[in-house]
Each structure stands twice: as C-alpha cells, then as structure tokens.
C-alpha cells in the first residue's frame, strides 16, 4: 500500500514537472517559430502535453 502511494506521489510530481517543462518549452517554441525552426518543437510539445 505504501509503495503504491509513493508511486502516486511520484506520478503527480512527474506530471507537475512535465507541465512546468512544457511551459518552458512552449516559450522556446514560440521563440523558434520566429526564426523558422518550430516544426520538431511543436511535435515535442504536442507529445509532452499528453
């Protein structure tokens, strides 16, 4: 039971981390759009949000 709770805590922490990471990458993606290198970043962001 405790291991399960630890797993849930880790999953929640990972989700929060990924959201923060995606927010940072979203800013990078917008910047890269201006210089024309956004294609791979957009694919990565779409993946990171799921």
PDB file of N, CA and C in Angstrom:
ATOM      1  N   UNK A   1       0.832  -1.201   0.000  1.00  0.00           N
ATOM      2  CA  UNK A   1       0.000   0.000   0.000  1.00  0.00           C
ATOM      3  C   UNK A   1       0.870   1.256   0.000  1.00  0.00           C
ATOM      4  N   UNK A   2       1.905   1.249   0.850  1.00  0.00           N
ATOM      5  CA  UNK A   2       2.777   2.423   0.916  1.00  0.00           C
ATOM      6  C   UNK A   2       3.540   2.626  -0.394  1.00  0.00           C
ATOM      7  N   UNK A   3       3.967   1.520  -0.991  1.00  0.00           N
ATOM      8  CA  UNK A   3       4.677   1.620  -2.268  1.00  0.00           C
ATOM      9  C   UNK A   3       3.767   2.235  -3.325  1.00  0.00           C
ATOM     10  N   UNK A   4       2.494   1.864  -3.283  1.00  0.00           N
ATOM     11  CA  UNK A   4       1.524   2.406  -4.226  1.00  0.00           C
ATOM     12  C   UNK A   4       1.386   3.912  -4.042  1.00  0.00           C
ATOM     13  N   UNK A   5       1.310   4.352  -2.785  1.00  0.00           N
ATOM     14  CA  UNK A   5       1.188   5.782  -2.501  1.00  0.00           C
ATOM     15  C   UNK A   5       2.423   6.525  -2.995  1.00  0.00           C
ATOM     16  N   UNK A   6       3.591   5.950  -2.758  1.00  0.00           N
ATOM     17  CA  UNK A   6       4.827   6.571  -3.230  1.00  0.00           C
ATOM     18  C   UNK A   6       4.810   6.682  -4.751  1.00  0.00           C
ATOM     19  N   UNK A   7       4.306   5.643  -5.406  1.00  0.00           N
ATOM     20  CA  UNK A   7       4.198   5.671  -6.862  1.00  0.00           C
ATOM     21  C   UNK A   7       3.269   6.773  -7.328  1.00  0.00           C
ATOM     22  N   UNK A   8       2.154   6.943  -6.620  1.00  0.00           N
ATOM     23  CA  UNK A   8       1.209   8.004  -6.973  1.00  0.00           C
ATOM     24  C   UNK A   8       1.827   9.378  -6.767  1.00  0.00           C
ATOM     25  N   UNK A   9       2.550   9.543  -5.652  1.00  0.00           N
ATOM     26  CA  UNK A   9       3.211  10.818  -5.387  1.00  0.00           C
ATOM     27  C   UNK A   9       4.219  11.123  -6.491  1.00  0.00           C
ATOM     28  N   UNK A  10       4.964  10.108  -6.886  1.00  0.00           N
ATOM     29  CA  UNK A  10       5.961  10.280  -7.940  1.00  0.00           C
ATOM     30  C   UNK A  10       5.293  10.647  -9.258  1.00  0.00           C
ATOM     31  N   UNK A  11       4.162  10.000  -9.553  1.00  0.00           N
ATOM     32  CA  UNK A  11       3.435  10.296 -10.787  1.00  0.00           C
ATOM     33  C   UNK A  11       2.930  11.732 -10.776  1.00  0.00           C
ATOM     34  N   UNK A  12       2.418  12.171  -9.634  1.00  0.00           N
ATOM     35  CA  UNK A  12       1.933  13.548  -9.524  1.00  0.00           C
ATOM     36  C   UNK A  12       3.075  14.534  -9.681  1.00  0.00           C
ATOM     37  N   UNK A  13       4.203  14.234  -9.056  1.00  0.00           N
ATOM     38  CA  UNK A  13       5.373  15.096  -9.153  1.00  0.00           C
ATOM     39  C   UNK A  13       5.851  15.165 -10.600  1.00  0.00           C
ATOM     40  N   UNK A  14       5.869  14.012 -11.270  1.00  0.00           N
ATOM     41  CA  UNK A  14       6.295  13.965 -12.666  1.00  0.00           C
ATOM     42  C   UNK A  14       5.362  14.788 -13.548  1.00  0.00           C
ATOM     43  N   UNK A  15       4.049  14.700 -13.284  1.00  0.00           N
ATOM     44  CA  UNK A  15       3.073  15.454 -14.070  1.00  0.00           C
ATOM     45  C   UNK A  15       3.292  16.952 -13.879  1.00  0.00           C
ATOM     46  N   UNK A  16       3.535  17.365 -12.637  1.00  0.00           N
ATOM     47  CA  UNK A  16       3.789  18.781 -12.371  1.00  0.00           C
ATOM     48  C   UNK A  16       5.073  19.222 -13.059  1.00  0.00           C
ATOM     49  N   UNK A  17       6.089  18.370 -12.990  1.00  0.00           N
ATOM     50  CA  UNK A  17       7.368  18.687 -13.626  1.00  0.00           C
ATOM     51  C   UNK A  17       7.195  18.817 -15.136  1.00  0.00           C
ATOM     52  N   UNK A  18       6.452  17.882 -15.729  1.00  0.00           N
ATOM     53  CA  UNK A  18       6.242  17.932 -17.177  1.00  0.00           C
ATOM     54  C   UNK A  18       5.458  19.172 -17.582  1.00  0.00           C
ATOM     55  N   UNK A  19       4.492  19.579 -16.757  1.00  0.00           N
ATOM     56  CA  UNK A  19       3.732  20.792 -17.062  1.00  0.00           C
ATOM     57  C   UNK A  19       4.650  22.006 -17.047  1.00  0.00           C
ATOM     58  N   UNK A  20       5.509  22.080 -16.032  1.00  0.00           N
ATOM     59  CA  UNK A  20       6.445  23.198 -15.939  1.00  0.00           C
ATOM     60  C   UNK A  20       7.411  23.159 -17.122  1.00  0.00           C
ATOM     61  N   UNK A  21       7.888  21.964 -17.447  1.00  0.00           N
ATOM     62  CA  UNK A  21       8.819  21.782 -18.554  1.00  0.00           C
ATOM     63  C   UNK A  21       8.156  22.189 -19.870  1.00  0.00           C
ATOM     64  N   UNK A  22       6.906  21.777 -20.056  1.00  0.00           N
ATOM     65  CA  UNK A  22       6.176  22.114 -21.277  1.00  0.00           C
ATOM     66  C   UNK A  22       5.965  23.618 -21.376  1.00  0.00           C
ATOM     67  N   UNK A  23       5.729  24.275 -20.240  1.00  0.00           N
ATOM     68  CA  UNK A  23       5.540  25.726 -20.255  1.00  0.00           C
ATOM     69  C   UNK A  23       6.817  26.419 -20.717  1.00  0.00           C
ATOM     70  N   UNK A  24       7.953  25.944 -20.238  1.00  0.00           N
ATOM     71  CA  UNK A  24       9.246  26.498 -20.664  1.00  0.00           C
ATOM     72  C   UNK A  24       9.459  26.242 -22.150  1.00  0.00           C
ATOM     73  N   UNK A  25       9.215  25.002 -22.576  1.00  0.00           N
ATOM     74  CA  UNK A  25       9.413  24.650 -23.979  1.00  0.00           C
ATOM     75  C   UNK A  25       8.437  25.397 -24.883  1.00  0.00           C
ATOM     76  N   UNK A  26       7.247  25.695 -24.365  1.00  0.00           N
ATOM     77  CA  UNK A  26       6.269  26.447 -25.141  1.00  0.00           C
ATOM     78  C   UNK A  26       6.830  27.831 -25.450  1.00  0.00           C
ATOM     79  N   UNK A  27       7.474  28.443 -24.465  1.00  0.00           N
ATOM     80  CA  UNK A  27       8.118  29.737 -24.683  1.00  0.00           C
ATOM     81  C   UNK A  27       9.225  29.622 -25.720  1.00  0.00           C
ATOM     82  N   UNK A  28      10.023  28.557 -25.623  1.00  0.00           N
ATOM     83  CA  UNK A  28      11.090  28.317 -26.596  1.00  0.00           C
ATOM     84  C   UNK A  28      10.487  28.092 -27.978  1.00  0.00           C
ATOM     85  N   UNK A  29       9.398  27.314 -28.022  1.00  0.00           N
ATOM     86  CA  UNK A  29       8.735  27.021 -29.294  1.00  0.00           C
ATOM     87  C   UNK A  29       8.254  28.287 -29.972  1.00  0.00           C
ATOM     88  N   UNK A  30       7.693  29.214 -29.186  1.00  0.00           N
ATOM     89  CA  UNK A  30       7.229  30.475 -29.767  1.00  0.00           C
ATOM     90  C   UNK A  30       8.404  31.285 -30.289  1.00  0.00           C
ATOM     91  N   UNK A  31       9.498  31.277 -29.541  1.00  0.00           N
ATOM     92  CA  UNK A  31      10.689  31.990 -29.993  1.00  0.00           C
ATOM     93  C   UNK A  31      11.213  31.372 -31.285  1.00  0.00           C
ATOM     94  N   UNK A  32      11.268  30.047 -31.332  1.00  0.00           N
ATOM     95  CA  UNK A  32      11.804  29.372 -32.510  1.00  0.00           C
ATOM     96  C   UNK A  32      10.901  29.562 -33.721  1.00  0.00           C
ATOM     97  N   UNK A  33       9.605  29.735 -33.493  1.00  0.00           N
ATOM     98  CA  UNK A  33       8.691  29.989 -34.605  1.00  0.00           C
ATOM     99  C   UNK A  33       9.136  31.233 -35.366  1.00  0.00           C
ATOM    100  N   UNK A  34       9.628  32.213 -34.632  1.00  0.00           N
ATOM    101  CA  UNK A  34      10.050  33.469 -35.248  1.00  0.00           C
ATOM    102  C   UNK A  34      11.278  33.276 -36.129  1.00  0.00           C
ATOM    103  N   UNK A  35      12.101  32.273 -35.811  1.00  0.00           N
ATOM    104  CA  UNK A  35      13.288  32.051 -36.632  1.00  0.00           C
ATOM    105  C   UNK A  35      13.141  30.816 -37.524  1.00  0.00           C
ATOM    106  N   UNK A  36      11.915  30.253 -37.551  1.00  0.00           N
ATOM    107  CA  UNK A  36      11.607  29.225 -38.540  1.00  0.00           C
ATOM    108  C   UNK A  36      12.083  27.823 -38.242  1.00  0.00           C
ATOM    109  N   UNK A  37      12.243  27.468 -36.963  1.00  0.00           N
ATOM    110  CA  UNK A  37      12.698  26.111 -36.630  1.00  0.00           C
ATOM    111  C   UNK A  37      11.744  25.443 -35.648  1.00  0.00           C
ATOM    112  N   UNK A  38      10.450  25.649 -35.839  1.00  0.00           N
ATOM    113  CA  UNK A  38       9.486  25.236 -34.813  1.00  0.00           C
ATOM    114  C   UNK A  38       8.896  23.850 -35.038  1.00  0.00           C
ATOM    115  N   UNK A  39       9.107  23.234 -36.179  1.00  0.00           N
ATOM    116  CA  UNK A  39       8.370  22.018 -36.529  1.00  0.00           C
ATOM    117  C   UNK A  39       8.589  20.901 -35.509  1.00  0.00           C
ATOM    118  N   UNK A  40       9.840  20.555 -35.230  1.00  0.00           N
ATOM    119  CA  UNK A  40      10.126  19.493 -34.275  1.00  0.00           C
ATOM    120  C   UNK A  40       9.676  19.883 -32.876  1.00  0.00           C
ATOM    121  N   UNK A  41       9.833  21.160 -32.514  1.00  0.00           N
ATOM    122  CA  UNK A  41       9.426  21.619 -31.192  1.00  0.00           C
ATOM    123  C   UNK A  41       7.921  21.465 -31.011  1.00  0.00           C
ATOM    124  N   UNK A  42       7.150  21.773 -32.053  1.00  0.00           N
ATOM    125  CA  UNK A  42       5.697  21.633 -31.953  1.00  0.00           C
ATOM    126  C   UNK A  42       5.313  20.172 -31.749  1.00  0.00           C
ATOM    127  N   UNK A  43       5.981  19.264 -32.459  1.00  0.00           N
ATOM    128  CA  UNK A  43       5.711  17.840 -32.283  1.00  0.00           C
ATOM    129  C   UNK A  43       6.050  17.417 -30.860  1.00  0.00           C
ATOM    130  N   UNK A  44       7.182  17.910 -30.350  1.00  0.00           N
ATOM    131  CA  UNK A  44       7.592  17.552 -28.997  1.00  0.00           C
ATOM    132  C   UNK A  44       6.596  18.089 -27.974  1.00  0.00           C
ATOM    133  N   UNK A  45       6.156  19.328 -28.155  1.00  0.00           N
ATOM    134  CA  UNK A  45       5.202  19.923 -27.217  1.00  0.00           C
ATOM    135  C   UNK A  45       3.881  19.172 -27.235  1.00  0.00           C
ATOM    136  N   UNK A  46       3.427  18.777 -28.418  1.00  0.00           N
ATOM    137  CA  UNK A  46       2.186  18.013 -28.515  1.00  0.00           C
ATOM    138  C   UNK A  46       2.335  16.699 -27.747  1.00  0.00           C
ATOM    139  N   UNK A  47       3.511  16.086 -27.857  1.00  0.00           N
ATOM    140  CA  UNK A  47       3.784  14.848 -27.131  1.00  0.00           C
ATOM    141  C   UNK A  47       3.863  15.102 -25.628  1.00  0.00           C
ATOM    142  N   UNK A  48       4.535  16.173 -25.240  1.00  0.00           N
ATOM    143  CA  UNK A  48       4.766  16.454 -23.822  1.00  0.00           C
ATOM    144  C   UNK A  48       3.473  16.761 -23.079  1.00  0.00           C
ATOM    145  N   UNK A  49       2.473  17.272 -23.786  1.00  0.00           N
ATOM    146  CA  UNK A  49       1.226  17.643 -23.114  1.00  0.00           C
ATOM    147  C   UNK A  49       0.327  16.448 -22.843  1.00  0.00           C
ATOM    148  N   UNK A  50       0.606  15.293 -23.458  1.00  0.00           N
ATOM    149  CA  UNK A  50      -0.262  14.122 -23.253  1.00  0.00           C
ATOM    150  C   UNK A  50       0.192  13.305 -22.056  1.00  0.00           C
TER     151      UNK A  50
END
